[in-house]
Amino acid sequence: MHTKKNTLQKEFIESDSEGHLFCRLPLAPDENRSQPPKLYEITWRIFRIMAEFVEGFQFLSESSREVTFFGSARLKKSHRWYKEAEKLGKMLAQCGFTVITGGGPGIMEAGNKGAKEGGGVSIGLNIQLPTEQRINPYVTKGRGFHYFFTRKVMLAASAQAYVYFPGGFGTLDEFFEIVTLIQTGKMQRIPVVCVGKEFWSGLFEWSQKVQLEKLKVISAKDMDLFHVVDTAQEAFDIITTSPDRSFF
């Protein structure tokens, strides 16, 4: 047993000639290193993460009645869902809601555009990605983030409703994260609205048949944690009946 323990320690804990411990963690593509970062170097990353959280919550504390939009950055202005997102953003702004998006193009731009043209607060929480580096011109209040996970927390924080338009892996990731938090009781139940029946129906039919009926890895009530609609008006009707949410 003693030998096994020493072997595991040697396998997962390394140090240099001066005795500095290395820390194994994922590196960004631009972080080309010949060896893992030393453990003491991670301290500065932690401070940067803390700063992003503190500054992010301070930034959001200045707004109220937030609705967060998610969806593809690749959909063009001519696309049906871009137009519906723009319409919903405008309707919400005119009703006194704050629209929050990831600040990029596509659905994010559409939501911000509608909010700005509706005379409301249009917030963009941006991050630099290989294909989505610009912040759209319809953001009236913006904040940039270095870490993806801190930005995700800010997009989820204190919103009283979440709207998901058709999108890619990121949109699905953000949808399942929020639904899981509500399912497990880590977040109060608030409206989660998926717009676009043609896009979402296949996924939820699979959840019903495979996850629920075949494997029983979810409960029937879990299928009621979200709404599936087809228009901005339907989404608006659900969101406007939701109570203001003060705490994350």
C-alpha atoms as a PDB file:
ATOM      1  CA  MET A   1       0.000   0.000   0.000  1.00  0.00           C
ATOM      2  CA  HIS A   2       2.845   2.366   0.869  1.00  0.00           C
ATOM      3  CA  THR A   3       4.526   1.670  -2.480  1.00  0.00           C
ATOM      4  CA  LYS A   4       1.265   2.278  -4.372  1.00  0.00           C
ATOM      5  CA  LYS A   5       0.775   5.603  -2.623  1.00  0.00           C
ATOM      6  CA  ASN A   6       4.291   6.756  -3.477  1.00  0.00           C
ATOM      7  CA  THR A   7       3.788   5.701  -7.105  1.00  0.00           C
ATOM      8  CA  LEU A   8       0.588   7.759  -7.360  1.00  0.00           C
ATOM      9  CA  GLN A   9       2.295  10.767  -5.826  1.00  0.00           C
ATOM     10  CA  LYS A  10       5.135  10.508  -8.299  1.00  0.00           C
ATOM     11  CA  GLU A  11       2.722  10.172 -11.216  1.00  0.00           C
ATOM     12  CA  PHE A  12       0.542  13.182 -10.420  1.00  0.00           C
ATOM     13  CA  ILE A  13       2.891  15.543  -8.579  1.00  0.00           C
ATOM     14  CA  GLU A  14       6.023  16.778 -10.288  1.00  0.00           C
ATOM     15  CA  SER A  15       8.625  19.311  -9.296  1.00  0.00           C
ATOM     16  CA  ASP A  16      11.627  21.011 -10.858  1.00  0.00           C
ATOM     17  CA  SER A  17      15.227  20.923  -9.682  1.00  0.00           C
ATOM     18  CA  GLU A  18      14.493  23.683  -7.176  1.00  0.00           C
ATOM     19  CA  GLY A  19      11.577  21.824  -5.613  1.00  0.00           C
ATOM     20  CA  HIS A  20       8.796  23.968  -7.149  1.00  0.00           C
ATOM     21  CA  LEU A  21       5.630  21.944  -7.684  1.00  0.00           C
ATOM     22  CA  PHE A  22       4.009  21.882 -11.130  1.00  0.00           C
ATOM     23  CA  CYS A  23       0.261  22.220 -11.600  1.00  0.00           C
ATOM     24  CA  ARG A  24      -1.510  20.293 -14.342  1.00  0.00           C
ATOM     25  CA  LEU A  25      -4.247  22.368 -15.978  1.00  0.00           C
ATOM     26  CA  PRO A  26      -5.539  23.070 -19.508  1.00  0.00           C
ATOM     27  CA  LEU A  27      -3.649  25.771 -21.347  1.00  0.00           C
ATOM     28  CA  ALA A  28      -4.966  28.110 -24.021  1.00  0.00           C
ATOM     29  CA  PRO A  29      -3.535  27.667 -27.550  1.00  0.00           C
ATOM     30  CA  ASP A  30      -1.394  30.791 -27.152  1.00  0.00           C
ATOM     31  CA  GLU A  31       0.181  29.500 -23.950  1.00  0.00           C
ATOM     32  CA  ASN A  32       3.009  27.523 -25.499  1.00  0.00           C
ATOM     33  CA  ARG A  33       5.061  26.063 -22.688  1.00  0.00           C
ATOM     34  CA  SER A  34       7.709  23.372 -22.526  1.00  0.00           C
ATOM     35  CA  GLN A  35       6.448  22.319 -19.093  1.00  0.00           C
ATOM     36  CA  PRO A  36       3.329  22.851 -16.936  1.00  0.00           C
ATOM     37  CA  PRO A  37       3.078  26.082 -14.912  1.00  0.00           C
ATOM     38  CA  LYS A  38       4.459  26.029 -11.401  1.00  0.00           C
ATOM     39  CA  LEU A  39       1.970  25.908  -8.571  1.00  0.00           C
ATOM     40  CA  TYR A  40       2.843  29.380  -7.284  1.00  0.00           C
ATOM     41  CA  GLU A  41       2.114  30.844 -10.741  1.00  0.00           C
ATOM     42  CA  ILE A  42      -1.506  29.720 -10.442  1.00  0.00           C
ATOM     43  CA  THR A  43      -2.009  32.158  -7.568  1.00  0.00           C
ATOM     44  CA  TRP A  44      -2.025  35.050 -10.012  1.00  0.00           C
ATOM     45  CA  ARG A  45      -4.623  33.342 -12.147  1.00  0.00           C
ATOM     46  CA  ILE A  46      -6.798  32.958  -9.070  1.00  0.00           C
ATOM     47  CA  PHE A  47      -6.532  36.686  -8.348  1.00  0.00           C
ATOM     48  CA  ARG A  48      -7.505  37.444 -11.947  1.00  0.00           C
ATOM     49  CA  ILE A  49     -10.507  35.120 -11.665  1.00  0.00           C
ATOM     50  CA  MET A  50     -11.576  36.775  -8.401  1.00  0.00           C
ATOM     51  CA  ALA A  51     -11.270  40.203  -9.999  1.00  0.00           C
ATOM     52  CA  GLU A  52     -13.483  39.169 -12.911  1.00  0.00           C
ATOM     53  CA  PHE A  53     -16.157  37.910 -10.526  1.00  0.00           C
ATOM     54  CA  VAL A  54     -16.063  41.014  -8.321  1.00  0.00           C
ATOM     55  CA  GLU A  55     -16.082  43.433 -11.254  1.00  0.00           C
ATOM     56  CA  GLY A  56     -18.739  41.397 -13.060  1.00  0.00           C
ATOM     57  CA  PHE A  57     -21.181  41.370 -10.144  1.00  0.00           C
ATOM     58  CA  GLN A  58     -20.536  45.065  -9.549  1.00  0.00           C
ATOM     59  CA  PHE A  59     -21.325  45.746 -13.200  1.00  0.00           C
ATOM     60  CA  LEU A  60     -24.590  43.781 -13.086  1.00  0.00           C
ATOM     61  CA  SER A  61     -25.677  45.354  -9.808  1.00  0.00           C
ATOM     62  CA  GLU A  62     -26.492  48.506 -11.742  1.00  0.00           C
ATOM     63  CA  SER A  63     -29.246  46.828 -13.784  1.00  0.00           C
ATOM     64  CA  SER A  64     -32.596  45.177 -13.027  1.00  0.00           C
ATOM     65  CA  ARG A  65     -35.265  42.979 -14.642  1.00  0.00           C
ATOM     66  CA  GLU A  66     -32.655  41.217 -16.749  1.00  0.00           C
ATOM     67  CA  VAL A  67     -33.462  38.703 -19.480  1.00  0.00           C
ATOM     68  CA  THR A  68     -30.514  36.792 -20.916  1.00  0.00           C
ATOM     69  CA  PHE A  69     -30.452  35.780 -24.584  1.00  0.00           C
ATOM     70  CA  PHE A  70     -28.506  32.790 -25.899  1.00  0.00           C
ATOM     71  CA  GLY A  71     -28.141  31.571 -29.479  1.00  0.00           C
ATOM     72  CA  SER A  72     -25.833  31.173 -32.434  1.00  0.00           C
ATOM     73  CA  ALA A  73     -23.315  33.836 -33.369  1.00  0.00           C
ATOM     74  CA  ARG A  74     -23.469  32.626 -36.979  1.00  0.00           C
ATOM     75  CA  LEU A  75     -27.052  33.460 -37.907  1.00  0.00           C
ATOM     76  CA  LYS A  76     -27.322  36.377 -40.347  1.00  0.00           C
ATOM     77  CA  LYS A  77     -29.618  39.383 -40.241  1.00  0.00           C
ATOM     78  CA  SER A  78     -31.824  37.840 -42.901  1.00  0.00           C
ATOM     79  CA  HIS A  79     -32.474  34.702 -40.856  1.00  0.00           C
ATOM     80  CA  ARG A  80     -35.872  34.146 -39.271  1.00  0.00           C
ATOM     81  CA  TRP A  81     -34.450  33.633 -35.787  1.00  0.00           C
ATOM     82  CA  TYR A  82     -32.341  36.786 -35.964  1.00  0.00           C
ATOM     83  CA  LYS A  83     -35.507  38.722 -36.734  1.00  0.00           C
ATOM     84  CA  GLU A  84     -37.454  37.043 -33.928  1.00  0.00           C
ATOM     85  CA  ALA A  85     -34.648  37.729 -31.426  1.00  0.00           C
ATOM     86  CA  GLU A  86     -34.552  41.356 -32.510  1.00  0.00           C
ATOM     87  CA  LYS A  87     -38.322  41.603 -32.157  1.00  0.00           C
ATOM     88  CA  LEU A  88     -38.261  40.052 -28.683  1.00  0.00           C
ATOM     89  CA  GLY A  89     -35.443  42.331 -27.552  1.00  0.00           C
ATOM     90  CA  LYS A  90     -37.404  45.381 -28.621  1.00  0.00           C
ATOM     91  CA  MET A  91     -40.617  44.215 -26.976  1.00  0.00           C
ATOM     92  CA  LEU A  92     -38.828  43.531 -23.702  1.00  0.00           C
ATOM     93  CA  ALA A  93     -37.011  46.876 -23.725  1.00  0.00           C
ATOM     94  CA  GLN A  94     -40.236  48.747 -24.297  1.00  0.00           C
ATOM     95  CA  CYS A  95     -41.666  46.932 -21.293  1.00  0.00           C
ATOM     96  CA  GLY A  96     -38.788  47.959 -19.015  1.00  0.00           C
ATOM     97  CA  PHE A  97     -36.630  44.849 -19.166  1.00  0.00           C
ATOM     98  CA  THR A  98     -32.838  44.794 -19.481  1.00  0.00           C
ATOM     99  CA  VAL A  99     -31.549  42.590 -22.284  1.00  0.00           C
ATOM    100  CA  ILE A 100     -28.273  40.744 -21.670  1.00  0.00           C
ATOM    101  CA  THR A 101     -26.349  38.839 -24.330  1.00  0.00           C
ATOM    102  CA  GLY A 102     -22.836  37.591 -24.908  1.00  0.00           C
ATOM    103  CA  GLY A 103     -22.197  40.784 -26.870  1.00  0.00           C
ATOM    104  CA  GLY A 104     -21.227  39.128 -30.145  1.00  0.00           C
ATOM    105  CA  PRO A 105     -22.856  38.778 -33.574  1.00  0.00           C
ATOM    106  CA  GLY A 106     -25.828  36.662 -34.647  1.00  0.00           C
ATOM    107  CA  ILE A 107     -28.578  36.139 -32.081  1.00  0.00           C
ATOM    108  CA  MET A 108     -26.635  38.184 -29.542  1.00  0.00           C
ATOM    109  CA  GLU A 109     -26.517  41.142 -31.905  1.00  0.00           C
ATOM    110  CA  ALA A 110     -30.212  40.740 -32.689  1.00  0.00           C
ATOM    111  CA  GLY A 111     -31.218  40.847 -29.027  1.00  0.00           C
ATOM    112  CA  ASN A 112     -29.031  43.885 -28.367  1.00  0.00           C
ATOM    113  CA  LYS A 113     -30.286  45.623 -31.478  1.00  0.00           C
ATOM    114  CA  GLY A 114     -33.909  45.176 -30.495  1.00  0.00           C
ATOM    115  CA  ALA A 115     -33.214  46.383 -26.965  1.00  0.00           C
ATOM    116  CA  LYS A 116     -31.373  49.476 -28.131  1.00  0.00           C
ATOM    117  CA  GLU A 117     -33.980  50.384 -30.708  1.00  0.00           C
ATOM    118  CA  GLY A 118     -36.646  49.816 -28.068  1.00  0.00           C
ATOM    119  CA  GLY A 119     -35.002  52.439 -25.880  1.00  0.00           C
ATOM    120  CA  GLY A 120     -33.905  49.991 -23.202  1.00  0.00           C
ATOM    121  CA  VAL A 121     -30.673  48.843 -21.580  1.00  0.00           C
ATOM    122  CA  SER A 122     -28.672  46.628 -23.943  1.00  0.00           C
ATOM    123  CA  ILE A 123     -25.870  44.762 -22.170  1.00  0.00           C
ATOM    124  CA  GLY A 124     -23.092  42.735 -23.774  1.00  0.00           C
ATOM    125  CA  LEU A 125     -20.793  40.424 -21.796  1.00  0.00           C
ATOM    126  CA  ASN A 126     -18.114  39.762 -24.336  1.00  0.00           C
ATOM    127  CA  ILE A 127     -15.211  37.343 -24.695  1.00  0.00           C
ATOM    128  CA  GLN A 128     -12.669  36.891 -27.458  1.00  0.00           C
ATOM    129  CA  LEU A 129     -13.060  33.708 -29.492  1.00  0.00           C
ATOM    130  CA  PRO A 130     -11.457  32.700 -32.811  1.00  0.00           C
ATOM    131  CA  THR A 131     -14.647  33.314 -34.827  1.00  0.00           C
ATOM    132  CA  GLU A 132     -16.473  35.816 -32.569  1.00  0.00           C
ATOM    133  CA  GLN A 133     -14.067  38.554 -31.557  1.00  0.00           C
ATOM    134  CA  ARG A 134     -16.064  41.718 -32.135  1.00  0.00           C
ATOM    135  CA  ILE A 135     -18.626  43.247 -29.816  1.00  0.00           C
ATOM    136  CA  ASN A 136     -21.741  44.207 -31.721  1.00  0.00           C
ATOM    137  CA  PRO A 137     -22.571  47.916 -32.209  1.00  0.00           C
ATOM    138  CA  TYR A 138     -25.899  47.711 -30.381  1.00  0.00           C
ATOM    139  CA  VAL A 139     -24.438  47.165 -26.916  1.00  0.00           C
ATOM    140  CA  THR A 140     -25.021  50.244 -24.742  1.00  0.00           C
ATOM    141  CA  LYS A 141     -23.227  48.802 -21.691  1.00  0.00           C
ATOM    142  CA  GLY A 142     -20.479  46.242 -22.086  1.00  0.00           C
ATOM    143  CA  ARG A 143     -17.998  44.211 -20.102  1.00  0.00           C
ATOM    144  CA  GLY A 144     -15.174  42.034 -21.412  1.00  0.00           C
ATOM    145  CA  PHE A 145     -14.054  38.740 -19.853  1.00  0.00           C
ATOM    146  CA  HIS A 146     -10.872  36.710 -20.166  1.00  0.00           C
ATOM    147  CA  TYR A 147     -12.238  33.493 -18.699  1.00  0.00           C
ATOM    148  CA  PHE A 148     -15.131  31.685 -20.304  1.00  0.00           C
ATOM    149  CA  PHE A 149     -16.499  30.333 -17.017  1.00  0.00           C
ATOM    150  CA  THR A 150     -16.612  33.722 -15.274  1.00  0.00           C
ATOM    151  CA  ARG A 151     -18.519  35.126 -18.233  1.00  0.00           C
ATOM    152  CA  LYS A 152     -20.954  32.191 -18.065  1.00  0.00           C
ATOM    153  CA  VAL A 153     -21.662  32.905 -14.414  1.00  0.00           C
ATOM    154  CA  MET A 154     -22.370  36.542 -15.222  1.00  0.00           C
ATOM    155  CA  LEU A 155     -24.731  35.566 -18.040  1.00  0.00           C
ATOM    156  CA  ALA A 156     -26.632  33.383 -15.579  1.00  0.00           C
ATOM    157  CA  ALA A 157     -26.504  35.733 -12.598  1.00  0.00           C
ATOM    158  CA  SER A 158     -29.764  37.312 -11.414  1.00  0.00           C
ATOM    159  CA  ALA A 159     -31.650  37.081 -14.732  1.00  0.00           C
ATOM    160  CA  GLN A 160     -35.372  36.566 -14.222  1.00  0.00           C
ATOM    161  CA  ALA A 161     -35.699  34.646 -17.482  1.00  0.00           C
ATOM    162  CA  TYR A 162     -33.468  32.888 -20.011  1.00  0.00           C
ATOM    163  CA  VAL A 163     -34.215  32.720 -23.726  1.00  0.00           C
ATOM    164  CA  TYR A 164     -32.544  30.197 -26.018  1.00  0.00           C
ATOM    165  CA  PHE A 165     -32.663  30.611 -29.769  1.00  0.00           C
ATOM    166  CA  PRO A 166     -31.212  27.997 -32.140  1.00  0.00           C
ATOM    167  CA  GLY A 167     -27.455  27.661 -31.751  1.00  0.00           C
ATOM    168  CA  GLY A 168     -24.450  25.385 -31.520  1.00  0.00           C
ATOM    169  CA  PHE A 169     -22.665  23.515 -28.754  1.00  0.00           C
ATOM    170  CA  GLY A 170     -22.294  26.652 -26.631  1.00  0.00           C
ATOM    171  CA  THR A 171     -26.032  27.321 -26.665  1.00  0.00           C
ATOM    172  CA  LEU A 172     -26.805  23.735 -25.668  1.00  0.00           C
ATOM    173  CA  ASP A 173     -24.166  23.871 -22.934  1.00  0.00           C
ATOM    174  CA  GLU A 174     -25.694  27.018 -21.492  1.00  0.00           C
ATOM    175  CA  PHE A 175     -29.208  25.587 -21.706  1.00  0.00           C
ATOM    176  CA  PHE A 176     -28.397  22.355 -19.890  1.00  0.00           C
ATOM    177  CA  GLU A 177     -26.392  24.181 -17.234  1.00  0.00           C
ATOM    178  CA  ILE A 178     -29.338  26.382 -16.261  1.00  0.00           C
ATOM    179  CA  VAL A 179     -31.847  23.512 -16.408  1.00  0.00           C
ATOM    180  CA  THR A 180     -29.557  21.376 -14.234  1.00  0.00           C
ATOM    181  CA  LEU A 181     -29.261  24.132 -11.631  1.00  0.00           C
ATOM    182  CA  ILE A 182     -33.049  24.434 -11.458  1.00  0.00           C
ATOM    183  CA  GLN A 183     -33.519  20.639 -11.464  1.00  0.00           C
ATOM    184  CA  THR A 184     -31.132  20.175  -8.527  1.00  0.00           C
ATOM    185  CA  GLY A 185     -32.564  23.057  -6.519  1.00  0.00           C
ATOM    186  CA  LYS A 186     -29.430  25.191  -6.777  1.00  0.00           C
ATOM    187  CA  MET A 187     -31.403  27.909  -8.551  1.00  0.00           C
ATOM    188  CA  GLN A 188     -34.968  29.083  -8.055  1.00  0.00           C
ATOM    189  CA  ARG A 189     -37.381  28.108 -10.789  1.00  0.00           C
ATOM    190  CA  ILE A 190     -37.692  30.830 -13.387  1.00  0.00           C
ATOM    191  CA  PRO A 191     -38.741  30.818 -17.052  1.00  0.00           C
ATOM    192  CA  VAL A 192     -36.437  28.984 -19.441  1.00  0.00           C
ATOM    193  CA  VAL A 193     -37.770  29.606 -22.941  1.00  0.00           C
ATOM    194  CA  CYS A 194     -36.543  27.778 -26.043  1.00  0.00           C
ATOM    195  CA  VAL A 195     -37.552  29.547 -29.236  1.00  0.00           C
ATOM    196  CA  GLY A 196     -37.834  27.498 -32.431  1.00  0.00           C
ATOM    197  CA  LYS A 197     -39.839  24.271 -32.286  1.00  0.00           C
ATOM    198  CA  GLU A 198     -38.231  22.854 -35.422  1.00  0.00           C
ATOM    199  CA  PHE A 199     -34.783  23.234 -33.855  1.00  0.00           C
ATOM    200  CA  TRP A 200     -35.554  22.060 -30.306  1.00  0.00           C
ATOM    201  CA  SER A 201     -38.175  19.363 -30.852  1.00  0.00           C
ATOM    202  CA  GLY A 202     -35.747  16.637 -31.941  1.00  0.00           C
ATOM    203  CA  LEU A 203     -33.618  17.108 -28.844  1.00  0.00           C
ATOM    204  CA  PHE A 204     -36.548  17.005 -26.448  1.00  0.00           C
ATOM    205  CA  GLU A 205     -38.153  14.042 -28.202  1.00  0.00           C
ATOM    206  CA  TRP A 206     -34.893  12.188 -27.582  1.00  0.00           C
ATOM    207  CA  SER A 207     -34.954  13.267 -23.924  1.00  0.00           C
ATOM    208  CA  GLN A 208     -38.502  11.991 -23.617  1.00  0.00           C
ATOM    209  CA  LYS A 209     -37.967   8.629 -25.330  1.00  0.00           C
ATOM    210  CA  VAL A 210     -34.419   7.775 -24.269  1.00  0.00           C
ATOM    211  CA  GLN A 211     -33.599   9.639 -21.063  1.00  0.00           C
ATOM    212  CA  LEU A 212     -37.073   9.449 -19.511  1.00  0.00           C
ATOM    213  CA  GLU A 213     -38.890   6.421 -20.891  1.00  0.00           C
ATOM    214  CA  LYS A 214     -36.053   4.023 -21.769  1.00  0.00           C
ATOM    215  CA  LEU A 215     -33.285   4.737 -19.254  1.00  0.00           C
ATOM    216  CA  LYS A 216     -35.261   6.638 -16.614  1.00  0.00           C
ATOM    217  CA  VAL A 217     -32.297   8.918 -15.881  1.00  0.00           C
ATOM    218  CA  ILE A 218     -34.578  11.962 -15.562  1.00  0.00           C
ATOM    219  CA  SER A 219     -38.029  12.441 -14.057  1.00  0.00           C
ATOM    220  CA  ALA A 220     -41.229  13.317 -15.884  1.00  0.00           C
ATOM    221  CA  LYS A 221     -41.377  16.633 -14.032  1.00  0.00           C
ATOM    222  CA  ASP A 222     -37.964  17.572 -15.474  1.00  0.00           C
ATOM    223  CA  MET A 223     -39.586  17.942 -18.881  1.00  0.00           C
ATOM    224  CA  ASP A 224     -41.648  20.791 -17.427  1.00  0.00           C
ATOM    225  CA  LEU A 225     -38.616  22.896 -16.484  1.00  0.00           C
ATOM    226  CA  PHE A 226     -38.634  24.695 -19.845  1.00  0.00           C
ATOM    227  CA  HIS A 227     -41.003  26.068 -22.462  1.00  0.00           C
ATOM    228  CA  VAL A 228     -40.756  25.551 -26.227  1.00  0.00           C
ATOM    229  CA  VAL A 229     -42.294  28.287 -28.364  1.00  0.00           C
ATOM    230  CA  ASP A 230     -42.117  29.443 -31.950  1.00  0.00           C
ATOM    231  CA  THR A 231     -42.418  33.226 -31.834  1.00  0.00           C
ATOM    232  CA  ALA A 232     -41.129  36.265 -30.002  1.00  0.00           C
ATOM    233  CA  GLN A 233     -44.682  37.033 -28.857  1.00  0.00           C
ATOM    234  CA  GLU A 234     -45.058  33.642 -27.174  1.00  0.00           C
ATOM    235  CA  ALA A 235     -41.723  34.085 -25.397  1.00  0.00           C
ATOM    236  CA  PHE A 236     -42.697  37.626 -24.367  1.00  0.00           C
ATOM    237  CA  ASP A 237     -45.984  36.439 -22.861  1.00  0.00           C
ATOM    238  CA  ILE A 238     -44.139  33.932 -20.653  1.00  0.00           C
ATOM    239  CA  ILE A 239     -41.357  36.303 -19.591  1.00  0.00           C
ATOM    240  CA  THR A 240     -43.635  39.198 -18.630  1.00  0.00           C
ATOM    241  CA  THR A 241     -45.457  37.032 -16.080  1.00  0.00           C
ATOM    242  CA  SER A 242     -42.191  36.174 -14.273  1.00  0.00           C
ATOM    243  CA  PRO A 243     -41.277  37.799 -10.938  1.00  0.00           C
ATOM    244  CA  ASP A 244     -38.174  39.940 -10.570  1.00  0.00           C
ATOM    245  CA  ARG A 245     -35.200  37.925  -9.339  1.00  0.00           C
ATOM    246  CA  SER A 246     -32.890  39.661  -6.904  1.00  0.00           C
ATOM    247  CA  PHE A 247     -30.519  36.874  -5.903  1.00  0.00           C
ATOM    248  CA  PHE A 248     -28.419  34.388  -7.840  1.00  0.00           C
END
